């Protein structure tokens, strides 16, 4: 039972790690492509949705 519990936590941590890695890669790719920092991109995207 304990090993199953550890495996479950391992999978969850691995999943969150991959998600964070993918999000970071997407931000870096966007900032390199546009020359803006990710926070500014998110702000611009929000402004675009508001219009």
PDB file of N, CA and C in Angstrom:
ATOM      1  N   UNK A   1       0.847  -1.196   0.000  1.00  0.00           N
ATOM      2  CA  UNK A   1       0.000   0.000   0.000  1.00  0.00           C
ATOM      3  C   UNK A   1       0.887   1.253   0.000  1.00  0.00           C
ATOM      4  N   UNK A   2       1.949   1.205   0.801  1.00  0.00           N
ATOM      5  CA  UNK A   2       2.814   2.379   0.895  1.00  0.00           C
ATOM      6  C   UNK A   2       3.515   2.653  -0.439  1.00  0.00           C
ATOM      7  N   UNK A   3       3.977   1.598  -1.097  1.00  0.00           N
ATOM      8  CA  UNK A   3       4.656   1.788  -2.378  1.00  0.00           C
ATOM      9  C   UNK A   3       3.689   2.367  -3.412  1.00  0.00           C
ATOM     10  N   UNK A   4       2.424   1.948  -3.353  1.00  0.00           N
ATOM     11  CA  UNK A   4       1.418   2.487  -4.274  1.00  0.00           C
ATOM     12  C   UNK A   4       1.235   3.979  -4.033  1.00  0.00           C
ATOM     13  N   UNK A   5       1.225   4.361  -2.756  1.00  0.00           N
ATOM     14  CA  UNK A   5       1.054   5.772  -2.390  1.00  0.00           C
ATOM     15  C   UNK A   5       2.233   6.597  -2.911  1.00  0.00           C
ATOM     16  N   UNK A   6       3.451   6.072  -2.747  1.00  0.00           N
ATOM     17  CA  UNK A   6       4.638   6.783  -3.224  1.00  0.00           C
ATOM     18  C   UNK A   6       4.612   6.917  -4.740  1.00  0.00           C
ATOM     19  N   UNK A   7       4.167   5.877  -5.426  1.00  0.00           N
ATOM     20  CA  UNK A   7       4.094   5.923  -6.888  1.00  0.00           C
ATOM     21  C   UNK A   7       3.107   6.991  -7.328  1.00  0.00           C
ATOM     22  N   UNK A   8       1.973   7.081  -6.623  1.00  0.00           N
ATOM     23  CA  UNK A   8       0.959   8.082  -6.962  1.00  0.00           C
ATOM     24  C   UNK A   8       1.543   9.489  -6.841  1.00  0.00           C
ATOM     25  N   UNK A   9       2.256   9.757  -5.734  1.00  0.00           N
ATOM     26  CA  UNK A   9       2.884  11.073  -5.549  1.00  0.00           C
ATOM     27  C   UNK A   9       3.943  11.320  -6.615  1.00  0.00           C
ATOM     28  N   UNK A  10       4.696  10.274  -6.966  1.00  0.00           N
ATOM     29  CA  UNK A  10       5.722  10.412  -7.999  1.00  0.00           C
ATOM     30  C   UNK A  10       5.113  10.814  -9.327  1.00  0.00           C
ATOM     31  N   UNK A  11       3.995  10.175  -9.681  1.00  0.00           N
ATOM     32  CA  UNK A  11       3.320  10.498 -10.942  1.00  0.00           C
ATOM     33  C   UNK A  11       2.798  11.930 -10.906  1.00  0.00           C
ATOM     34  N   UNK A  12       2.198  12.331  -9.780  1.00  0.00           N
ATOM     35  CA  UNK A  12       1.679  13.696  -9.659  1.00  0.00           C
ATOM     36  C   UNK A  12       2.798  14.725  -9.784  1.00  0.00           C
ATOM     37  N   UNK A  13       3.902  14.502  -9.066  1.00  0.00           N
ATOM     38  CA  UNK A  13       5.026  15.442  -9.129  1.00  0.00           C
ATOM     39  C   UNK A  13       5.605  15.486 -10.534  1.00  0.00           C
ATOM     40  N   UNK A  14       5.720  14.326 -11.182  1.00  0.00           N
ATOM     41  CA  UNK A  14       6.237  14.269 -12.547  1.00  0.00           C
ATOM     42  C   UNK A  14       5.330  15.048 -13.488  1.00  0.00           C
ATOM     43  N   UNK A  15       4.009  14.871 -13.332  1.00  0.00           N
ATOM     44  CA  UNK A  15       3.035  15.565 -14.181  1.00  0.00           C
ATOM     45  C   UNK A  15       3.155  17.079 -14.022  1.00  0.00           C
ATOM     46  N   UNK A  16       3.233  17.546 -12.758  1.00  0.00           N
ATOM     47  CA  UNK A  16       3.352  18.985 -12.518  1.00  0.00           C
ATOM     48  C   UNK A  16       4.674  19.519 -13.064  1.00  0.00           C
ATOM     49  N   UNK A  17       5.732  18.726 -12.938  1.00  0.00           N
ATOM     50  CA  UNK A  17       7.032  19.144 -13.470  1.00  0.00           C
ATOM     51  C   UNK A  17       6.979  19.319 -14.977  1.00  0.00           C
ATOM     52  N   UNK A  18       6.352  18.372 -15.663  1.00  0.00           N
ATOM     53  CA  UNK A  18       6.230  18.450 -17.119  1.00  0.00           C
ATOM     54  C   UNK A  18       5.387  19.657 -17.509  1.00  0.00           C
ATOM     55  N   UNK A  19       4.282  19.887 -16.780  1.00  0.00           N
ATOM     56  CA  UNK A  19       3.415  21.022 -17.085  1.00  0.00           C
ATOM     57  C   UNK A  19       4.193  22.336 -16.946  1.00  0.00           C
ATOM     58  N   UNK A  20       4.930  22.485 -15.846  1.00  0.00           N
ATOM     59  CA  UNK A  20       5.714  23.708 -15.627  1.00  0.00           C
ATOM     60  C   UNK A  20       6.754  23.877 -16.732  1.00  0.00           C
ATOM     61  N   UNK A  21       7.384  22.766 -17.135  1.00  0.00           N
ATOM     62  CA  UNK A  21       8.399  22.809 -18.190  1.00  0.00           C
ATOM     63  C   UNK A  21       7.792  23.268 -19.511  1.00  0.00           C
ATOM     64  N   UNK A  22       6.622  22.721 -19.855  1.00  0.00           N
ATOM     65  CA  UNK A  22       5.956  23.080 -21.111  1.00  0.00           C
ATOM     66  C   UNK A  22       5.545  24.552 -21.103  1.00  0.00           C
ATOM     67  N   UNK A  23       4.983  25.006 -19.974  1.00  0.00           N
ATOM     68  CA  UNK A  23       4.558  26.408 -19.874  1.00  0.00           C
ATOM     69  C   UNK A  23       5.764  27.337 -20.015  1.00  0.00           C
ATOM     70  N   UNK A  24       6.875  26.976 -19.360  1.00  0.00           N
ATOM     71  CA  UNK A  24       8.090  27.796 -19.448  1.00  0.00           C
ATOM     72  C   UNK A  24       8.597  27.849 -20.877  1.00  0.00           C
ATOM     73  N   UNK A  25       8.602  26.705 -21.557  1.00  0.00           N
ATOM     74  CA  UNK A  25       9.052  26.669 -22.951  1.00  0.00           C
ATOM     75  C   UNK A  25       8.170  27.551 -23.819  1.00  0.00           C
ATOM     76  N   UNK A  26       6.859  27.478 -23.616  1.00  0.00           N
ATOM     77  CA  UNK A  26       5.930  28.283 -24.417  1.00  0.00           C
ATOM     78  C   UNK A  26       6.189  29.770 -24.186  1.00  0.00           C
ATOM     79  N   UNK A  27       6.407  30.158 -22.932  1.00  0.00           N
ATOM     80  CA  UNK A  27       6.682  31.561 -22.610  1.00  0.00           C
ATOM     81  C   UNK A  27       7.978  32.022 -23.274  1.00  0.00           C
ATOM     82  N   UNK A  28       9.025  31.187 -23.183  1.00  0.00           N
ATOM     83  CA  UNK A  28      10.310  31.558 -23.777  1.00  0.00           C
ATOM     84  C   UNK A  28      10.180  31.692 -25.284  1.00  0.00           C
ATOM     85  N   UNK A  29       9.466  30.775 -25.916  1.00  0.00           N
ATOM     86  CA  UNK A  29       9.307  30.814 -27.368  1.00  0.00           C
ATOM     87  C   UNK A  29       8.551  32.083 -27.769  1.00  0.00           C
ATOM     88  N   UNK A  30       7.499  32.433 -27.021  1.00  0.00           N
ATOM     89  CA  UNK A  30       6.713  33.637 -27.329  1.00  0.00           C
ATOM     90  C   UNK A  30       7.550  34.895 -27.125  1.00  0.00           C
ATOM     91  N   UNK A  31       8.287  34.976 -26.031  1.00  0.00           N
ATOM     92  CA  UNK A  31       9.076  36.175 -25.755  1.00  0.00           C
ATOM     93  C   UNK A  31      10.182  36.328 -26.795  1.00  0.00           C
ATOM     94  N   UNK A  32      10.765  35.224 -27.255  1.00  0.00           N
ATOM     95  CA  UNK A  32      11.795  35.299 -28.287  1.00  0.00           C
ATOM     96  C   UNK A  32      11.193  35.726 -29.618  1.00  0.00           C
ATOM     97  N   UNK A  33      10.000  35.264 -29.916  1.00  0.00           N
ATOM     98  CA  UNK A  33       9.376  35.550 -31.206  1.00  0.00           C
ATOM     99  C   UNK A  33       8.915  37.004 -31.291  1.00  0.00           C
ATOM    100  N   UNK A  34       8.451  37.562 -30.192  1.00  0.00           N
ATOM    101  CA  UNK A  34       7.856  38.899 -30.228  1.00  0.00           C
ATOM    102  C   UNK A  34       8.773  39.966 -29.647  1.00  0.00           C
ATOM    103  N   UNK A  35       9.745  39.575 -28.825  1.00  0.00           N
ATOM    104  CA  UNK A  35      10.611  40.549 -28.193  1.00  0.00           C
ATOM    105  C   UNK A  35       9.994  41.153 -26.943  1.00  0.00           C
ATOM    106  N   UNK A  36       8.830  40.657 -26.526  1.00  0.00           N
ATOM    107  CA  UNK A  36       8.190  41.129 -25.297  1.00  0.00           C
ATOM    108  C   UNK A  36       8.387  40.099 -24.195  1.00  0.00           C
ATOM    109  N   UNK A  37       8.288  40.554 -22.945  1.00  0.00           N
ATOM    110  CA  UNK A  37       8.369  39.610 -21.836  1.00  0.00           C
ATOM    111  C   UNK A  37       7.008  38.931 -21.653  1.00  0.00           C
ATOM    112  N   UNK A  38       6.974  37.726 -21.084  1.00  0.00           N
ATOM    113  CA  UNK A  38       5.719  36.955 -20.979  1.00  0.00           C
ATOM    114  C   UNK A  38       4.595  37.707 -20.290  1.00  0.00           C
ATOM    115  N   UNK A  39       4.918  38.494 -19.250  1.00  0.00           N
ATOM    116  CA  UNK A  39       3.868  39.222 -18.533  1.00  0.00           C
ATOM    117  C   UNK A  39       3.191  40.221 -19.466  1.00  0.00           C
ATOM    118  N   UNK A  40       3.992  40.877 -20.299  1.00  0.00           N
ATOM    119  CA  UNK A  40       3.437  41.855 -21.229  1.00  0.00           C
ATOM    120  C   UNK A  40       2.570  41.147 -22.269  1.00  0.00           C
ATOM    121  N   UNK A  41       3.029  39.970 -22.724  1.00  0.00           N
ATOM    122  CA  UNK A  41       2.258  39.203 -23.707  1.00  0.00           C
ATOM    123  C   UNK A  41       0.898  38.832 -23.120  1.00  0.00           C
ATOM    124  N   UNK A  42       0.901  38.355 -21.869  1.00  0.00           N
ATOM    125  CA  UNK A  42      -0.360  37.972 -21.230  1.00  0.00           C
ATOM    126  C   UNK A  42      -1.271  39.187 -21.104  1.00  0.00           C
ATOM    127  N   UNK A  43      -0.688  40.338 -20.783  1.00  0.00           N
ATOM    128  CA  UNK A  43      -1.477  41.565 -20.642  1.00  0.00           C
ATOM    129  C   UNK A  43      -2.061  41.967 -21.994  1.00  0.00           C
ATOM    130  N   UNK A  44      -1.251  41.907 -23.039  1.00  0.00           N
ATOM    131  CA  UNK A  44      -1.730  42.265 -24.376  1.00  0.00           C
ATOM    132  C   UNK A  44      -2.842  41.318 -24.814  1.00  0.00           C
ATOM    133  N   UNK A  45      -2.670  40.036 -24.506  1.00  0.00           N
ATOM    134  CA  UNK A  45      -3.684  39.053 -24.885  1.00  0.00           C
ATOM    135  C   UNK A  45      -4.994  39.351 -24.162  1.00  0.00           C
ATOM    136  N   UNK A  46      -4.903  39.735 -22.875  1.00  0.00           N
ATOM    137  CA  UNK A  46      -6.099  40.060 -22.106  1.00  0.00           C
ATOM    138  C   UNK A  46      -6.777  41.307 -22.689  1.00  0.00           C
ATOM    139  N   UNK A  47      -5.977  42.291 -23.078  1.00  0.00           N
ATOM    140  CA  UNK A  47      -6.528  43.506 -23.683  1.00  0.00           C
ATOM    141  C   UNK A  47      -7.245  43.162 -24.981  1.00  0.00           C
ATOM    142  N   UNK A  48      -6.664  42.254 -25.762  1.00  0.00           N
ATOM    143  CA  UNK A  48      -7.278  41.863 -27.025  1.00  0.00           C
ATOM    144  C   UNK A  48      -8.613  41.170 -26.812  1.00  0.00           C
ATOM    145  N   UNK A  49      -8.703  40.343 -25.758  1.00  0.00           N
ATOM    146  CA  UNK A  49      -9.961  39.641 -25.484  1.00  0.00           C
ATOM    147  C   UNK A  49     -11.038  40.614 -25.015  1.00  0.00           C
ATOM    148  N   UNK A  50     -10.624  41.712 -24.367  1.00  0.00           N
ATOM    149  CA  UNK A  50     -11.589  42.658 -23.814  1.00  0.00           C
ATOM    150  C   UNK A  50     -12.288  43.442 -24.932  1.00  0.00           C
ATOM    151  N   UNK A  51     -11.567  43.681 -26.035  1.00  0.00           N
ATOM    152  CA  UNK A  51     -12.138  44.490 -27.130  1.00  0.00           C
ATOM    153  C   UNK A  51     -13.190  43.716 -27.910  1.00  0.00           C
TER     154      UNK A  51
END
